[in-house]
N, C-alpha and C. Protein backbone atom coordinates (compact mmCIF):
# COMPACT_ATOMS: atom_id res chain seq x y z
N UNK A 1 -17.16 4.40 -9.34
CA UNK A 1 -16.33 3.93 -9.70
C UNK A 1 -14.73 5.02 -8.97
N UNK A 2 -13.97 4.79 -8.57
CA UNK A 2 -12.55 5.41 -7.86
C UNK A 2 -11.69 4.52 -8.08
N UNK A 3 -10.37 5.32 -7.41
CA UNK A 3 -9.53 4.59 -7.68
C UNK A 3 -8.28 4.78 -6.69
N UNK A 4 -7.63 3.30 -5.89
CA UNK A 4 -6.75 3.23 -5.07
C UNK A 4 -5.40 2.99 -4.81
N UNK A 5 -4.62 4.50 -4.70
CA UNK A 5 -3.05 4.37 -4.60
C UNK A 5 -2.02 3.50 -4.27
N UNK A 6 -1.25 2.89 -4.29
CA UNK A 6 -0.38 1.91 -3.78
C UNK A 6 0.95 2.68 -4.15
N UNK A 7 1.76 2.09 -3.05
CA UNK A 7 3.79 2.38 -3.01
C UNK A 7 4.02 1.50 -2.94
N UNK A 8 4.89 0.71 -2.92
CA UNK A 8 6.50 0.15 -2.86
C UNK A 8 7.68 0.32 -2.94
N UNK A 9 8.57 0.58 -2.25
CA UNK A 9 9.87 0.34 -2.41
C UNK A 9 10.59 -0.79 -1.21
N UNK A 10 11.71 -1.26 -1.70
CA UNK A 10 12.61 -2.30 -1.48
C UNK A 10 13.30 -3.00 -2.38
N UNK A 11 13.99 -3.86 -1.32
CA UNK A 11 15.02 -4.30 -2.38
C UNK A 11 14.75 -4.83 -3.58
N UNK A 12 15.37 -4.90 -4.96
CA UNK A 12 15.20 -5.20 -6.52
C UNK A 12 14.94 -6.86 -5.55
N UNK A 13 15.67 -7.45 -4.91
CA UNK A 13 15.64 -9.38 -4.33
C UNK A 13 14.59 -9.48 -4.54
N UNK A 14 13.88 -8.74 -3.30
CA UNK A 14 12.34 -9.17 -3.02
C UNK A 14 11.48 -9.42 -3.79
N UNK A 15 11.14 -8.26 -4.76
CA UNK A 15 10.83 -7.68 -5.79
C UNK A 15 10.54 -8.74 -6.96
N UNK A 16 11.97 -9.50 -6.71
CA UNK A 16 11.94 -10.39 -8.16
C UNK A 16 11.58 -12.11 -7.64
N UNK A 17 11.08 -12.17 -6.78
CA UNK A 17 10.22 -13.32 -6.18
C UNK A 17 9.11 -13.36 -6.84
N UNK A 18 8.93 -13.65 -8.04
CA UNK A 18 7.67 -13.62 -8.11
C UNK A 18 6.62 -14.54 -8.76
N UNK A 19 6.86 -15.51 -7.14
CA UNK A 19 6.01 -16.91 -6.87
C UNK A 19 5.67 -16.31 -6.67
N UNK A 20 5.30 -15.15 -5.37
CA UNK A 20 4.93 -14.56 -4.02
C UNK A 20 4.06 -12.90 -4.99
N UNK A 21 4.07 -12.82 -6.17
CA UNK A 21 3.49 -12.01 -7.04
C UNK A 21 2.50 -12.53 -7.55
N UNK A 22 2.37 -13.18 -7.91
CA UNK A 22 1.37 -14.32 -8.36
C UNK A 22 0.19 -14.62 -7.63
N UNK A 23 -0.72 -14.96 -8.44
CA UNK A 23 -2.42 -15.57 -7.15
C UNK A 23 -1.81 -16.98 -7.29
N UNK A 24 -1.77 -18.13 -6.43
CA UNK A 24 -1.69 -19.46 -6.96
C UNK A 24 -2.78 -20.54 -7.68
N UNK A 25 -2.09 -21.06 -8.52
CA UNK A 25 -3.09 -21.92 -9.48
C UNK A 25 -4.66 -22.11 -8.30
N UNK A 26 -5.90 -21.91 -8.88
CA UNK A 26 -6.87 -22.42 -8.21
C UNK A 26 -6.95 -23.82 -7.37
N UNK A 27 -6.32 -25.08 -8.80
CA UNK A 27 -6.04 -26.02 -7.65
C UNK A 27 -4.92 -26.52 -7.25
N UNK A 28 -4.36 -26.71 -6.30
CA UNK A 28 -3.28 -27.55 -5.53
C UNK A 28 -2.74 -28.51 -5.88
N UNK A 29 -1.32 -28.67 -6.40
CA UNK A 29 -0.88 -30.23 -7.36
C UNK A 29 -1.65 -31.31 -5.89
N UNK A 30 -0.94 -32.25 -6.74
CA UNK A 30 -1.71 -33.14 -5.78
C UNK A 30 -0.75 -34.27 -5.26
N UNK A 31 -1.03 -34.30 -4.64
CA UNK A 31 -0.36 -34.92 -3.13
C UNK A 31 -0.04 -35.86 -3.67
N UNK A 32 1.86 -35.88 -2.99
CA UNK A 32 2.67 -36.81 -3.64
C UNK A 32 3.04 -37.71 -3.19
N UNK A 33 3.53 -38.88 -3.57
CA UNK A 33 3.57 -39.92 -3.07
C UNK A 33 4.70 -40.19 -2.26
N UNK A 34 5.06 -41.10 -0.90
CA UNK A 34 5.37 -41.29 0.65
C UNK A 34 6.78 -41.34 -0.19
N UNK A 35 7.48 -41.28 -1.37
CA UNK A 35 9.18 -41.36 -1.46
C UNK A 35 9.24 -40.32 -2.15
N UNK A 36 8.01 -39.25 -2.43
CA UNK A 36 8.48 -38.54 -3.41
C UNK A 36 9.36 -36.58 -2.54
N UNK A 37 10.06 -36.63 -2.11
CA UNK A 37 10.37 -35.30 -1.58
C UNK A 37 10.53 -33.90 -2.34
N UNK A 38 10.32 -34.50 -3.87
CA UNK A 38 10.41 -33.22 -4.94
C UNK A 38 8.96 -32.29 -4.75
N UNK A 39 8.07 -33.58 -4.44
CA UNK A 39 5.99 -33.27 -4.68
C UNK A 39 6.20 -32.94 -3.59
N UNK A 40 6.72 -33.63 -2.61
CA UNK A 40 6.32 -32.84 -1.01
C UNK A 40 6.84 -31.11 -1.02
N UNK A 41 7.91 -31.04 -1.49
CA UNK A 41 8.44 -29.05 -1.44
C UNK A 41 7.73 -28.28 -2.39
N UNK A 42 7.27 -29.09 -3.48
CA UNK A 42 5.95 -28.82 -4.56
C UNK A 42 5.21 -28.31 -3.72
N UNK A 43 4.33 -29.17 -2.55
CA UNK A 43 2.77 -29.00 -2.18
C UNK A 43 3.18 -28.07 -1.05
N UNK A 44 4.34 -27.61 -0.69
CA UNK A 44 4.73 -27.04 1.20
C UNK A 44 4.49 -25.46 -0.10
N UNK A 45 5.48 -25.75 -1.02
CA UNK A 45 6.22 -24.00 -1.34
C UNK A 45 4.40 -23.50 -2.33
N UNK A 46 3.34 -24.31 -2.70
CA UNK A 46 2.18 -23.74 -2.51
C UNK A 46 1.88 -23.41 -1.71
N UNK A 47 1.16 -24.12 -0.90
CA UNK A 47 0.93 -23.38 0.61
C UNK A 47 1.36 -21.90 0.96
N UNK A 48 2.71 -22.51 0.94
CA UNK A 48 3.27 -20.79 1.68
C UNK A 48 2.59 -19.79 0.70
N UNK A 49 2.43 -20.06 -0.66
CA UNK A 49 2.52 -18.82 -1.59
C UNK A 49 0.55 -18.39 -1.45
N UNK A 50 -0.16 -19.35 -1.43
CA UNK A 50 -1.05 -19.71 -1.30
C UNK A 50 -2.11 -18.63 0.14
N UNK A 51 -0.82 -19.18 0.76
CA UNK A 51 -0.85 -17.68 2.21
C UNK A 51 -0.62 -16.51 2.14
N UNK A 52 0.57 -16.10 1.72
CA UNK A 52 1.42 -14.81 1.10
C UNK A 52 0.41 -14.65 0.37
N UNK A 53 0.42 -14.94 -0.91
CA UNK A 53 -0.05 -13.94 -1.79
C UNK A 53 -1.46 -12.75 -1.47
N UNK A 54 -2.32 -13.26 -0.19
CA UNK A 54 -3.17 -12.13 -0.62
C UNK A 54 -2.44 -10.92 0.42
N UNK A 55 -1.58 -11.46 0.98
CA UNK A 55 -1.25 -10.52 2.03
C UNK A 55 0.24 -9.62 2.68
N UNK A 56 1.24 -10.80 1.69
CA UNK A 56 2.05 -9.56 0.58
C UNK A 56 1.83 -8.57 0.40
N UNK A 57 3.16 -7.46 0.89
CA UNK A 57 3.24 -6.16 0.19
C UNK A 57 3.97 -6.54 -1.61
N UNK A 58 4.46 -7.59 -1.83
CA UNK A 58 4.82 -6.91 -3.09
C UNK A 58 3.78 -6.78 -4.04
N UNK A 59 4.09 -5.80 -5.39
CA UNK A 59 3.30 -5.57 -6.04
C UNK A 59 2.62 -7.14 -6.75
N UNK A 60 1.61 -6.99 -7.16
CA UNK A 60 1.31 -8.57 -8.21
C UNK A 60 1.51 -8.00 -9.08
N UNK A 61 1.80 -9.52 -10.24
CA UNK A 61 1.90 -9.17 -11.55
C UNK A 61 0.93 -8.53 -12.81
N UNK A 62 -0.72 -8.32 -11.84
CA UNK A 62 -1.52 -7.68 -12.00
C UNK A 62 -2.24 -7.21 -11.65
N UNK A 63 -1.88 -6.04 -11.76
CA UNK A 63 -2.37 -4.85 -10.65
C UNK A 63 -3.80 -4.75 -10.14
N UNK A 64 -4.47 -5.45 -10.93
CA UNK A 64 -6.10 -5.48 -10.02
C UNK A 64 -5.81 -6.12 -8.77
N UNK A 65 -4.71 -6.97 -9.01
CA UNK A 65 -5.31 -8.22 -7.80
C UNK A 65 -4.85 -7.44 -6.59
N UNK A 66 -3.75 -5.97 -6.79
CA UNK A 66 -3.68 -5.44 -5.76
C UNK A 66 -5.07 -5.08 -4.60
N UNK A 67 -6.25 -5.11 -5.02
CA UNK A 67 -7.46 -4.97 -4.05
C UNK A 67 -7.90 -6.16 -3.82
N UNK A 68 -6.99 -7.32 -3.66
CA UNK A 68 -7.30 -8.25 -2.76
C UNK A 68 -6.40 -8.20 -1.91
N UNK A 69 -5.53 -6.88 -0.96
CA UNK A 69 -4.38 -6.86 -0.92
C UNK A 69 -4.55 -6.03 0.86
N UNK A 70 -4.39 -6.35 1.76
CA UNK A 70 -4.40 -5.48 3.01
C UNK A 70 -5.10 -4.62 2.80
N UNK A 71 -6.23 -3.69 3.74
CA UNK A 71 -6.37 -2.46 3.05
C UNK A 71 -5.54 -1.87 3.36
N UNK A 72 -4.41 -1.98 4.33
CA UNK A 72 -3.69 -0.67 4.82
C UNK A 72 -2.55 -0.79 4.45
N UNK A 73 -2.67 -1.26 2.69
CA UNK A 73 -1.56 -0.91 1.98
C UNK A 73 -2.27 -0.13 0.92
N UNK A 74 -3.52 0.70 1.03
CA UNK A 74 -4.23 1.75 -0.20
C UNK A 74 -3.61 2.90 1.07
N UNK A 75 -2.91 3.60 -0.14
CA UNK A 75 -1.85 4.88 0.05
C UNK A 75 -3.17 6.25 0.24
N UNK A 76 -4.23 6.05 -0.89
CA UNK A 76 -5.55 6.88 -0.71
C UNK A 76 -6.06 6.11 -1.88
N UNK A 77 -7.21 6.97 -2.00
CA UNK A 77 -8.89 6.83 -2.80
C UNK A 77 -9.05 8.13 -2.82
N UNK A 78 -9.21 7.88 -4.46
CA UNK A 78 -10.13 9.52 -5.24
C UNK A 78 -11.20 9.17 -6.21
N UNK A 79 -11.89 9.61 -5.88
CA UNK A 79 -13.44 9.45 -7.35
C UNK A 79 -12.58 10.16 -8.40
N UNK A 80 -11.58 10.86 -8.83
CA UNK A 80 -11.48 11.55 -9.89
C UNK A 80 -10.21 11.24 -10.20
N UNK A 81 -9.96 10.73 -11.69
CA UNK A 81 -8.80 10.54 -12.66
C UNK A 81 -7.17 11.96 -12.20
N UNK A 82 -8.27 12.86 -12.31
CA UNK A 82 -6.87 14.05 -11.79
C UNK A 82 -6.71 13.84 -10.60
N UNK A 83 -7.09 13.61 -9.64
CA UNK A 83 -6.42 13.99 -8.02
C UNK A 83 -5.82 12.34 -8.32
N UNK A 84 -6.14 11.47 -8.51
CA UNK A 84 -5.65 10.44 -8.76
C UNK A 84 -4.25 10.43 -8.73
N UNK A 85 -4.03 10.83 -10.29
CA UNK A 85 -2.70 10.59 -10.96
C UNK A 85 -2.02 12.23 -10.06
N UNK A 86 -2.31 12.93 -10.21
CA UNK A 86 -1.85 14.17 -9.18
C UNK A 86 -0.98 13.64 -8.43
N UNK A 87 -2.02 12.62 -6.96
CA UNK A 87 -0.89 12.00 -6.20
C UNK A 87 -0.03 10.69 -6.98
N UNK A 88 0.25 10.42 -8.30
CA UNK A 88 1.32 9.55 -8.62
C UNK A 88 2.57 10.46 -9.15
N UNK A 89 1.68 11.68 -9.58
CA UNK A 89 3.19 13.19 -9.74
C UNK A 89 3.67 13.24 -8.30
N UNK A 90 3.22 13.54 -7.25
CA UNK A 90 3.63 13.89 -6.06
C UNK A 90 3.98 12.79 -5.50
N UNK A 91 4.51 12.00 -6.28
CA UNK A 91 5.00 10.59 -5.76
C UNK A 91 6.22 11.10 -6.78
N UNK A 92 6.51 10.70 -8.05
CA UNK A 92 7.07 10.16 -9.27
C UNK A 92 8.49 12.25 -8.70
N UNK A 93 7.50 13.13 -8.12
CA UNK A 93 8.17 14.07 -7.58
C UNK A 93 9.24 14.23 -6.24
N UNK A 94 8.62 12.78 -5.47
CA UNK A 94 9.01 12.61 -4.47
C UNK A 94 10.51 11.79 -4.58
N UNK A 95 10.31 10.67 -5.67
CA UNK A 95 11.57 9.92 -5.11
C UNK A 95 12.27 10.28 -6.39
N UNK A 96 12.14 10.93 -7.51
CA UNK A 96 13.00 11.27 -9.06
C UNK A 96 14.38 11.24 -8.22
N UNK A 97 14.88 12.03 -7.91
CA UNK A 97 15.83 12.64 -6.96
C UNK A 97 16.56 11.05 -7.15
N UNK A 98 16.64 9.88 -6.35
CA UNK A 98 16.34 8.29 -6.30
C UNK A 98 16.62 7.49 -7.35
N UNK A 99 15.83 8.14 -8.38
CA UNK A 99 15.85 6.90 -9.68
C UNK A 99 17.06 6.70 -10.80
N UNK A 100 17.38 5.28 -10.60
CA UNK A 100 18.86 5.19 -11.03
C UNK A 100 18.97 5.67 -12.79
N UNK A 101 17.86 5.90 -13.60
CA UNK A 101 18.48 6.36 -14.07
C UNK A 101 17.99 7.79 -14.89
N UNK A 102 18.90 9.33 -15.06
CA UNK A 102 18.58 10.11 -15.72
C UNK A 102 17.09 10.11 -16.84
N UNK A 103 17.40 8.84 -17.35
CA UNK A 103 16.03 9.26 -18.83
C UNK A 103 14.45 9.22 -18.21
N UNK A 104 14.58 8.46 -16.61
CA UNK A 104 13.37 8.38 -15.64
C UNK A 104 13.43 9.75 -14.58
N UNK A 105 14.55 10.10 -14.45
CA UNK A 105 14.70 11.71 -13.96
C UNK A 105 13.66 12.39 -14.30
N UNK A 106 13.80 12.97 -16.15
CA UNK A 106 13.43 13.96 -16.48
C UNK A 106 12.06 14.97 -16.17
N UNK A 107 12.32 15.54 -16.09
CA UNK A 107 10.51 15.67 -15.55
C UNK A 107 9.74 15.85 -16.18
N UNK A 108 9.73 16.35 -18.15
CA UNK A 108 9.16 16.80 -18.67
C UNK A 108 8.44 15.05 -19.51
N UNK A 109 9.45 14.04 -19.30
CA UNK A 109 8.95 12.81 -19.32
C UNK A 109 8.07 12.36 -18.00
N UNK A 110 8.24 12.70 -17.00
CA UNK A 110 6.95 12.55 -15.44
C UNK A 110 6.08 12.98 -15.77
N UNK A 111 6.18 14.10 -16.39
CA UNK A 111 5.08 15.01 -16.58
C UNK A 111 3.90 14.11 -18.20
N UNK A 112 4.63 13.15 -18.69
CA UNK A 112 3.89 12.38 -19.40
C UNK A 112 3.21 11.32 -19.20
N UNK A 113 3.85 10.71 -18.38
CA UNK A 113 3.70 9.84 -17.66
C UNK A 113 2.46 9.93 -16.98
N UNK A 114 2.16 11.49 -15.69
CA UNK A 114 1.17 11.81 -15.00
C UNK A 114 -0.02 11.88 -16.07
N UNK A 115 0.56 12.42 -17.53
CA UNK A 115 -0.90 12.68 -17.67
C UNK A 115 -1.28 11.12 -18.50
N UNK A 116 -0.60 10.31 -18.73
CA UNK A 116 -1.06 9.40 -19.68
C UNK A 116 -1.47 8.24 -18.23
N UNK A 117 -1.09 8.48 -16.88
CA UNK A 117 -2.31 7.98 -15.64
C UNK A 117 -3.64 8.99 -15.63
N UNK A 118 -3.50 9.86 -16.12
CA UNK A 118 -5.33 10.88 -16.03
C UNK A 118 -6.04 9.89 -17.22
N UNK A 119 -5.46 9.63 -18.17
CA UNK A 119 -6.48 9.35 -19.16
C UNK A 119 -6.31 8.34 -19.10
N UNK A 120 -5.31 6.89 -18.77
CA UNK A 120 -6.02 5.86 -18.95
C UNK A 120 -7.01 5.27 -17.51
N UNK A 121 -6.84 6.39 -16.60
CA UNK A 121 -7.74 5.89 -15.50
C UNK A 121 -9.51 6.62 -15.93
N UNK A 122 -9.37 7.39 -16.37
CA UNK A 122 -10.39 8.07 -17.11
C UNK A 122 -10.96 7.40 -18.23
N UNK A 123 -10.79 6.37 -18.08
CA UNK A 123 -11.03 4.87 -18.94
C UNK A 123 -11.31 3.87 -18.41
N UNK A 124 -11.55 3.53 -16.84
CA UNK A 124 -11.59 2.78 -16.09
C UNK A 124 -10.42 2.04 -16.13
N UNK A 125 -8.94 1.97 -16.82
CA UNK A 125 -8.15 1.07 -16.34
C UNK A 125 -6.54 1.42 -15.55
N UNK A 126 -6.26 0.32 -15.29
CA UNK A 126 -5.05 0.45 -14.19
C UNK A 126 -3.94 1.11 -14.41
N UNK A 127 -3.30 2.16 -13.62
CA UNK A 127 -1.99 1.88 -14.16
C UNK A 127 -0.96 1.90 -13.63
N UNK A 128 0.38 1.05 -13.60
CA UNK A 128 1.62 0.36 -13.22
C UNK A 128 2.60 1.26 -13.51
N UNK A 129 3.42 1.33 -12.35
CA UNK A 129 5.30 1.96 -12.82
C UNK A 129 6.22 1.51 -11.39
N UNK A 130 7.27 0.99 -12.50
CA UNK A 130 8.16 0.71 -11.57
C UNK A 130 9.50 1.74 -11.89
N UNK A 131 10.46 2.16 -10.95
CA UNK A 131 11.67 2.44 -11.25
C UNK A 131 12.40 2.23 -10.13
N UNK A 132 14.05 1.80 -11.03
CA UNK A 132 14.99 1.45 -9.80
C UNK A 132 15.29 2.79 -9.81
N UNK A 133 15.45 2.39 -8.05
CA UNK A 133 16.28 3.08 -7.54
C UNK A 133 17.77 2.94 -7.05
N UNK A 134 18.55 3.73 -5.96
CA UNK A 134 19.32 3.50 -5.81
C UNK A 134 20.10 1.57 -5.82
N UNK A 135 20.86 1.28 -6.17
CA UNK A 135 20.99 -0.24 -6.01
C UNK A 135 21.03 -0.17 -4.67
N UNK A 136 20.21 -1.77 -4.61
CA UNK A 136 19.54 -2.69 -5.30
C UNK A 136 18.11 -1.85 -5.05
N UNK A 137 17.79 -1.00 -4.96
CA UNK A 137 15.76 -1.01 -4.90
C UNK A 137 15.44 -0.54 -5.80
N UNK A 138 13.93 -0.87 -5.36
CA UNK A 138 13.23 -0.65 -6.48
C UNK A 138 11.99 0.33 -6.04
N UNK A 139 11.05 1.07 -6.58
CA UNK A 139 9.75 1.75 -6.49
C UNK A 139 8.92 1.37 -7.62
N UNK A 140 7.61 0.85 -7.10
CA UNK A 140 6.37 1.07 -7.66
C UNK A 140 5.41 1.69 -6.97
N UNK A 141 4.49 1.88 -8.05
CA UNK A 141 3.74 3.00 -7.95
C UNK A 141 2.57 2.28 -8.80
N UNK A 142 1.11 2.30 -8.25
CA UNK A 142 -0.41 2.26 -8.93
C UNK A 142 -1.06 2.34 -8.75
N UNK A 143 -1.99 2.70 -9.40
CA UNK A 143 -3.13 3.65 -9.13
C UNK A 143 -4.29 2.08 -9.64
N UNK A 144 -5.27 1.77 -9.38
CA UNK A 144 -6.47 0.57 -9.04
C UNK A 144 -7.47 0.99 -9.33
N UNK A 145 -8.09 1.39 -10.69
CA UNK A 145 -9.76 1.73 -10.73
C UNK A 145 -10.68 0.99 -9.98
N UNK A 146 -11.05 1.28 -9.03
CA UNK A 146 -12.22 -0.15 -7.94
C UNK A 146 -13.78 0.44 -8.38
N UNK A 147 -14.52 -0.77 -8.10
CA UNK A 147 -16.24 -0.75 -8.28
C UNK A 147 -16.54 -0.40 -9.62
N UNK A 148 -16.40 -1.41 -10.44
CA UNK A 148 -15.60 -2.57 -10.70
C UNK A 148 -14.24 -2.09 -11.07
N UNK A 149 -13.39 -3.00 -11.09
CA UNK A 149 -12.43 -3.14 -12.26
C UNK A 149 -12.80 -3.61 -12.81
N UNK A 150 -12.44 -2.94 -14.38
CA UNK A 150 -12.69 -3.50 -16.03
C UNK A 150 -12.29 -4.65 -15.88
N UNK A 151 -10.21 -4.91 -15.81
CA UNK A 151 -9.73 -6.18 -15.99
C UNK A 151 -10.66 -7.24 -15.25
N UNK A 152 -11.02 -7.02 -14.05
CA UNK A 152 -11.08 -7.59 -12.49
C UNK A 152 -12.24 -7.87 -12.39
N UNK A 153 -13.79 -7.97 -13.03
CA UNK A 153 -14.19 -6.77 -11.25
C UNK A 153 -14.57 -8.10 -11.11
N UNK A 154 -14.72 -8.84 -10.54
CA UNK A 154 -14.74 -10.11 -9.66
C UNK A 154 -14.31 -9.55 -8.00
N UNK A 155 -13.25 -8.77 -8.43
CA UNK A 155 -12.12 -8.45 -7.61
C UNK A 155 -13.35 -7.62 -6.24
N UNK A 156 -13.24 -7.35 -4.97
CA UNK A 156 -13.94 -6.30 -4.05
C UNK A 156 -13.89 -5.13 -3.43
N UNK A 157 -13.88 -4.30 -3.59
CA UNK A 157 -12.89 -2.81 -3.23
C UNK A 157 -12.16 -3.21 -1.49
N UNK A 158 -11.22 -3.15 -1.66
CA UNK A 158 -10.87 -2.99 -0.35
C UNK A 158 -11.07 -1.97 1.12
N UNK A 159 -12.01 -1.66 0.54
CA UNK A 159 -12.88 -0.69 1.90
C UNK A 159 -14.42 -1.82 1.94
N UNK A 160 -15.00 -2.40 0.98
CA UNK A 160 -16.39 -2.99 1.54
C UNK A 160 -17.17 -2.38 0.31
């Protein structure tokens, strides 16, 4: 078992595009009738999402799906939960001055977050955190347990 780290910052509007943050339904919509422009738009949108979801850098709604994203999005890999949580703590310290909320900047609270991440990773779980930065940006940090992932054991390790 090991853990992969992911980090993404960017505009909040892009983060809010939930269609690109969830895997497409396994079955595409039925082919539309020739005179059904709404059905054609639905099918086209399904095709776009199916093509983009595996490659887009947006955080998936289900954390484990980071594992199907390009390996270039992995920011680090660790065998020990404490090392992975240490990376998380370093990123939190790096970005804390930009957190929109004073509550989120509280160093004692951030230490609790890192401790909780260590425990969660130690049980084979994933962790995912998000923080609003100066408007309108958003920071997403995730640590995903791999080989296997407990919530989705069929997902392969991005490094094979």
